[in-house]
Every structure is written in C-alpha cells, then in structure tokens.
Amino acid sequence: MKKIGVNVIILVWFCTILAGSCTSIGGSRLMENFFSYMSIGEVKLLLPPQLRTWEVFLDEPGFLVVLVKDYHSLGFVGQLRLVFTDGHLSDTCFFTTNLRQYVTAIEKFNHLRFEPGMVFLRTKIVPHTRVYVNSNFKKEICWYDERFEKMQYSW
C-alpha cells in the first residue's frame, strides 16, 4: 500500500514537471512524446534507462546534438538525433533503414499527409512543428519547432 502511494506521488510529480515545462513555454509536439522546450533532464527521463547514455555528436555554446542508438519508434529501430538549443529540445530526427515504411507509419499514427517538395516531403503539426522527410541524402525524418529556426536566424 505504501509503495503504491509513493509511486502515485512520483507519477503526479513527473507529469507536473513535464506539463509545466512544456505548456508554460508553449512547447510543440515533436516526435512521439517529445515536446520542444523540454530540458535535457526531462528528455532523458522519457528514454528507456538503457538508452540514457547517449553519444554527444556536437557540443558548442548554446547548441548540443546527441545521438541515441537502437531507439525504437512505432516498431522500427534506428538512431535518434536530439538537438538542444540553449538547453531546450528544438529538433528530433530519426534515421532508419526502412524509411519509406516508417513514413507511412508516421502518417497513420499522426494522421498526417506529407506534401511533396523538390527534395523533401514536408508537413506541419499545429501549432509550431514542422516535419520533413529527407530521403535523398540522409534518409531521415525530422521534427522541429519553427520558433527555434526563427530565433537562430535572428542571431
């Protein structure tokens, strides 16, 4: 009985932290349960324990890119790239060998339809998320909060 009560308190605390950090700033949904403006610590809590030790790809002032290998998304295994701008999640990208099938799964799961472009397939998720598929070069699908892009252009 005591253990259940402690678990409920921890769960409520965790949900409060996630909801507060994302909604107070106006985080926009990225890939799966990731939202823009989440802190590095919040993102790590969403990862399974065995994936919380990630590889740092790029670490510059105000900009951190990490790679999570063997990430599972909608039944597909691949590499997850997380981009943090000023300590907040701004982009998520997923690389998988079955990109075409993964894109179909994303369309069904999120009720999306990608618009064909010159090189990319792209779509928008309200309020601030852009999603694009780069199948020509990197074989990736990425979600990003367009507000970070606007902020970077202002630098």
C-alpha atoms as a PDB file:
ATOM      1  CA  MET A   1       0.000   0.000   0.000  1.00  0.00           C
ATOM      2  CA  LYS A   2       2.809   2.418   0.910  1.00  0.00           C
ATOM      3  CA  LYS A   3       4.687   1.602  -2.291  1.00  0.00           C
ATOM      4  CA  ILE A   4       1.635   2.356  -4.445  1.00  0.00           C
ATOM      5  CA  GLY A   5       1.183   5.726  -2.729  1.00  0.00           C
ATOM      6  CA  VAL A   6       4.823   6.690  -3.315  1.00  0.00           C
ATOM      7  CA  ASN A   7       4.595   5.635  -6.974  1.00  0.00           C
ATOM      8  CA  VAL A   8       1.457   7.740  -7.463  1.00  0.00           C
ATOM      9  CA  ILE A   9       3.171  10.768  -5.915  1.00  0.00           C
ATOM     10  CA  ILE A  10       6.217  10.299  -8.143  1.00  0.00           C
ATOM     11  CA  LEU A  11       3.997   9.893 -11.224  1.00  0.00           C
ATOM     12  CA  VAL A  12       1.998  13.047 -10.409  1.00  0.00           C
ATOM     13  CA  TRP A  13       5.237  14.972  -9.744  1.00  0.00           C
ATOM     14  CA  PHE A  14       6.754  13.771 -13.043  1.00  0.00           C
ATOM     15  CA  CYS A  15       3.630  14.685 -15.028  1.00  0.00           C
ATOM     16  CA  THR A  16       3.504  18.091 -13.365  1.00  0.00           C
ATOM     17  CA  ILE A  17       7.105  18.782 -14.326  1.00  0.00           C
ATOM     18  CA  LEU A  18       6.537  17.723 -17.932  1.00  0.00           C
ATOM     19  CA  ALA A  19       3.274  19.599 -18.277  1.00  0.00           C
ATOM     20  CA  GLY A  20       4.628  22.714 -16.612  1.00  0.00           C
ATOM     21  CA  SER A  21       7.792  22.932 -18.642  1.00  0.00           C
ATOM     22  CA  CYS A  22       6.107  22.371 -21.983  1.00  0.00           C
ATOM     23  CA  THR A  23       2.840  24.205 -21.587  1.00  0.00           C
ATOM     24  CA  SER A  24       4.125  27.260 -19.714  1.00  0.00           C
ATOM     25  CA  ILE A  25       6.514  27.987 -22.570  1.00  0.00           C
ATOM     26  CA  GLY A  26       4.172  26.639 -25.204  1.00  0.00           C
ATOM     27  CA  GLY A  27       6.072  23.525 -26.257  1.00  0.00           C
ATOM     28  CA  SER A  28       5.020  21.994 -29.532  1.00  0.00           C
ATOM     29  CA  ARG A  29       4.818  18.235 -30.061  1.00  0.00           C
ATOM     30  CA  LEU A  30       7.813  16.784 -31.848  1.00  0.00           C
ATOM     31  CA  MET A  31       8.393  13.051 -32.320  1.00  0.00           C
ATOM     32  CA  GLU A  32       6.215  10.784 -30.156  1.00  0.00           C
ATOM     33  CA  ASN A  33       6.271  12.032 -26.527  1.00  0.00           C
ATOM     34  CA  PHE A  34       8.945  14.654 -27.056  1.00  0.00           C
ATOM     35  CA  PHE A  35       7.977  18.325 -26.936  1.00  0.00           C
ATOM     36  CA  SER A  36      10.003  21.370 -27.870  1.00  0.00           C
ATOM     37  CA  TYR A  37      11.381  23.375 -24.952  1.00  0.00           C
ATOM     38  CA  MET A  38      11.858  20.238 -22.798  1.00  0.00           C
ATOM     39  CA  SER A  39      15.067  20.353 -20.778  1.00  0.00           C
ATOM     40  CA  ILE A  40      17.849  17.806 -21.226  1.00  0.00           C
ATOM     41  CA  GLY A  41      16.854  16.146 -17.941  1.00  0.00           C
ATOM     42  CA  GLU A  42      13.201  15.879 -18.982  1.00  0.00           C
ATOM     43  CA  VAL A  43      14.166  14.295 -22.285  1.00  0.00           C
ATOM     44  CA  LYS A  44      16.422  11.752 -20.571  1.00  0.00           C
ATOM     45  CA  LEU A  45      13.528  10.706 -18.326  1.00  0.00           C
ATOM     46  CA  LEU A  46      11.487   9.815 -21.423  1.00  0.00           C
ATOM     47  CA  LEU A  47      14.167   7.449 -22.699  1.00  0.00           C
ATOM     48  CA  PRO A  48      14.384   3.850 -21.511  1.00  0.00           C
ATOM     49  CA  PRO A  49      17.174   3.537 -18.884  1.00  0.00           C
ATOM     50  CA  GLN A  50      19.485   1.607 -21.227  1.00  0.00           C
ATOM     51  CA  LEU A  51      19.356   4.496 -23.762  1.00  0.00           C
ATOM     52  CA  ARG A  52      20.032   7.376 -21.353  1.00  0.00           C
ATOM     53  CA  THR A  53      23.770   7.245 -22.015  1.00  0.00           C
ATOM     54  CA  TRP A  54      23.860   8.940 -25.361  1.00  0.00           C
ATOM     55  CA  GLU A  55      26.681   9.906 -27.677  1.00  0.00           C
ATOM     56  CA  VAL A  56      27.467  13.613 -27.880  1.00  0.00           C
ATOM     57  CA  PHE A  57      27.762  14.482 -31.566  1.00  0.00           C
ATOM     58  CA  LEU A  58      28.254  18.250 -31.213  1.00  0.00           C
ATOM     59  CA  ASP A  59      28.623  20.426 -28.122  1.00  0.00           C
ATOM     60  CA  GLU A  60      29.030  24.143 -28.701  1.00  0.00           C
ATOM     61  CA  PRO A  61      27.907  27.096 -26.587  1.00  0.00           C
ATOM     62  CA  GLY A  62      24.107  27.139 -26.718  1.00  0.00           C
ATOM     63  CA  PHE A  63      23.901  24.103 -29.013  1.00  0.00           C
ATOM     64  CA  LEU A  64      24.030  20.380 -28.190  1.00  0.00           C
ATOM     65  CA  VAL A  65      23.400  17.473 -30.570  1.00  0.00           C
ATOM     66  CA  VAL A  66      23.228  13.934 -29.170  1.00  0.00           C
ATOM     67  CA  LEU A  67      22.690  10.538 -30.790  1.00  0.00           C
ATOM     68  CA  VAL A  68      20.672   7.688 -29.280  1.00  0.00           C
ATOM     69  CA  LYS A  69      21.396   4.350 -30.946  1.00  0.00           C
ATOM     70  CA  ASP A  70      18.935   1.444 -31.149  1.00  0.00           C
ATOM     71  CA  TYR A  71      15.930   3.692 -30.491  1.00  0.00           C
ATOM     72  CA  HIS A  72      12.534   2.070 -31.120  1.00  0.00           C
ATOM     73  CA  SER A  73       9.759   4.095 -32.746  1.00  0.00           C
ATOM     74  CA  LEU A  74       6.466   2.605 -33.920  1.00  0.00           C
ATOM     75  CA  GLY A  75       8.075  -0.809 -34.315  1.00  0.00           C
ATOM     76  CA  PHE A  76      11.119   0.490 -36.224  1.00  0.00           C
ATOM     77  CA  VAL A  77      14.673   0.513 -34.877  1.00  0.00           C
ATOM     78  CA  GLY A  78      17.050   3.300 -35.749  1.00  0.00           C
ATOM     79  CA  GLN A  79      19.123   6.191 -34.497  1.00  0.00           C
ATOM     80  CA  LEU A  80      17.509   9.156 -32.795  1.00  0.00           C
ATOM     81  CA  ARG A  81      19.177  12.554 -33.016  1.00  0.00           C
ATOM     82  CA  LEU A  82      18.164  15.141 -30.430  1.00  0.00           C
ATOM     83  CA  VAL A  83      19.066  18.805 -30.839  1.00  0.00           C
ATOM     84  CA  PHE A  84      19.063  21.164 -27.859  1.00  0.00           C
ATOM     85  CA  THR A  85      19.217  24.913 -28.324  1.00  0.00           C
ATOM     86  CA  ASP A  86      20.058  26.874 -25.164  1.00  0.00           C
ATOM     87  CA  GLY A  87      19.360  23.723 -23.116  1.00  0.00           C
ATOM     88  CA  HIS A  88      15.913  23.095 -24.625  1.00  0.00           C
ATOM     89  CA  LEU A  89      14.844  20.466 -27.125  1.00  0.00           C
ATOM     90  CA  SER A  90      14.330  22.035 -30.545  1.00  0.00           C
ATOM     91  CA  ASP A  91      14.630  19.146 -33.054  1.00  0.00           C
ATOM     92  CA  THR A  92      14.266  15.383 -33.198  1.00  0.00           C
ATOM     93  CA  CYS A  93      15.378  13.268 -36.165  1.00  0.00           C
ATOM     94  CA  PHE A  94      15.049   9.531 -36.705  1.00  0.00           C
ATOM     95  CA  PHE A  95      17.188   7.503 -39.107  1.00  0.00           C
ATOM     96  CA  THR A  96      16.012   4.023 -40.079  1.00  0.00           C
ATOM     97  CA  THR A  97      16.795   1.655 -42.938  1.00  0.00           C
ATOM     98  CA  ASN A  98      13.046   1.268 -43.623  1.00  0.00           C
ATOM     99  CA  LEU A  99      12.359   4.977 -44.106  1.00  0.00           C
ATOM    100  CA  ARG A 100       9.519   4.595 -46.616  1.00  0.00           C
ATOM    101  CA  GLN A 101       7.592   2.188 -44.345  1.00  0.00           C
ATOM    102  CA  TYR A 102       8.332   4.377 -41.318  1.00  0.00           C
ATOM    103  CA  VAL A 103       6.928   7.454 -43.083  1.00  0.00           C
ATOM    104  CA  THR A 104       3.739   5.505 -43.842  1.00  0.00           C
ATOM    105  CA  ALA A 105       3.514   4.515 -40.158  1.00  0.00           C
ATOM    106  CA  ILE A 106       4.033   8.166 -39.100  1.00  0.00           C
ATOM    107  CA  GLU A 107       1.276   9.314 -41.456  1.00  0.00           C
ATOM    108  CA  LYS A 108      -1.135   6.783 -39.956  1.00  0.00           C
ATOM    109  CA  PHE A 109      -0.093   7.333 -36.332  1.00  0.00           C
ATOM    110  CA  ASN A 110      -0.248  11.154 -36.513  1.00  0.00           C
ATOM    111  CA  HIS A 111      -3.000  11.404 -39.152  1.00  0.00           C
ATOM    112  CA  LEU A 112      -0.658  13.367 -41.416  1.00  0.00           C
ATOM    113  CA  ARG A 113      -0.255  13.741 -45.135  1.00  0.00           C
ATOM    114  CA  PHE A 114       3.121  14.858 -46.409  1.00  0.00           C
ATOM    115  CA  GLU A 115       3.284  17.349 -49.267  1.00  0.00           C
ATOM    116  CA  PRO A 116       5.849  16.524 -51.944  1.00  0.00           C
ATOM    117  CA  GLY A 117       8.645  19.056 -52.373  1.00  0.00           C
ATOM    118  CA  MET A 118      11.725  19.324 -54.527  1.00  0.00           C
ATOM    119  CA  VAL A 119      13.912  17.181 -52.251  1.00  0.00           C
ATOM    120  CA  PHE A 120      11.789  16.775 -49.129  1.00  0.00           C
ATOM    121  CA  LEU A 121       8.358  15.616 -48.133  1.00  0.00           C
ATOM    122  CA  ARG A 122       7.016  18.033 -45.544  1.00  0.00           C
ATOM    123  CA  THR A 123       4.030  18.840 -43.366  1.00  0.00           C
ATOM    124  CA  LYS A 124       3.094  20.953 -40.349  1.00  0.00           C
ATOM    125  CA  ILE A 125       1.659  19.963 -36.973  1.00  0.00           C
ATOM    126  CA  VAL A 126      -0.149  22.771 -35.193  1.00  0.00           C
ATOM    127  CA  PRO A 127       0.915  24.952 -33.513  1.00  0.00           C
ATOM    128  CA  HIS A 128       4.654  25.208 -34.319  1.00  0.00           C
ATOM    129  CA  THR A 129       6.029  21.863 -35.504  1.00  0.00           C
ATOM    130  CA  ARG A 130       7.366  21.235 -38.969  1.00  0.00           C
ATOM    131  CA  VAL A 131       8.090  17.695 -40.118  1.00  0.00           C
ATOM    132  CA  TYR A 132      10.189  16.809 -43.129  1.00  0.00           C
ATOM    133  CA  VAL A 133      11.494  13.659 -44.741  1.00  0.00           C
ATOM    134  CA  ASN A 134      14.874  13.764 -46.438  1.00  0.00           C
ATOM    135  CA  SER A 135      15.012  10.523 -48.403  1.00  0.00           C
ATOM    136  CA  ASN A 136      17.617  11.622 -50.950  1.00  0.00           C
ATOM    137  CA  PHE A 137      20.635  12.272 -48.765  1.00  0.00           C
ATOM    138  CA  LYS A 138      20.412  11.433 -45.062  1.00  0.00           C
ATOM    139  CA  LYS A 139      17.424   9.055 -45.095  1.00  0.00           C
ATOM    140  CA  GLU A 140      15.839  10.790 -42.103  1.00  0.00           C
ATOM    141  CA  ILE A 141      12.575  12.166 -40.820  1.00  0.00           C
ATOM    142  CA  CYS A 142      12.830  15.255 -38.607  1.00  0.00           C
ATOM    143  CA  TRP A 143      10.506  17.252 -36.405  1.00  0.00           C
ATOM    144  CA  TYR A 144      11.446  20.790 -35.401  1.00  0.00           C
ATOM    145  CA  ASP A 145       9.854  23.768 -33.726  1.00  0.00           C
ATOM    146  CA  GLU A 146       9.874  26.596 -36.234  1.00  0.00           C
ATOM    147  CA  ARG A 147      10.251  29.169 -33.441  1.00  0.00           C
ATOM    148  CA  PHE A 148      13.815  27.945 -32.836  1.00  0.00           C
ATOM    149  CA  GLU A 149      14.562  28.364 -36.534  1.00  0.00           C
ATOM    150  CA  LYS A 150      13.314  31.955 -36.397  1.00  0.00           C
ATOM    151  CA  MET A 151      15.373  32.539 -33.241  1.00  0.00           C
ATOM    152  CA  GLN A 152      18.536  31.180 -34.906  1.00  0.00           C
ATOM    153  CA  TYR A 153      18.055  33.481 -37.896  1.00  0.00           C
ATOM    154  CA  SER A 154      17.851  36.445 -35.539  1.00  0.00           C
ATOM    155  CA  TRP A 155      21.291  35.580 -34.049  1.00  0.00           C
END
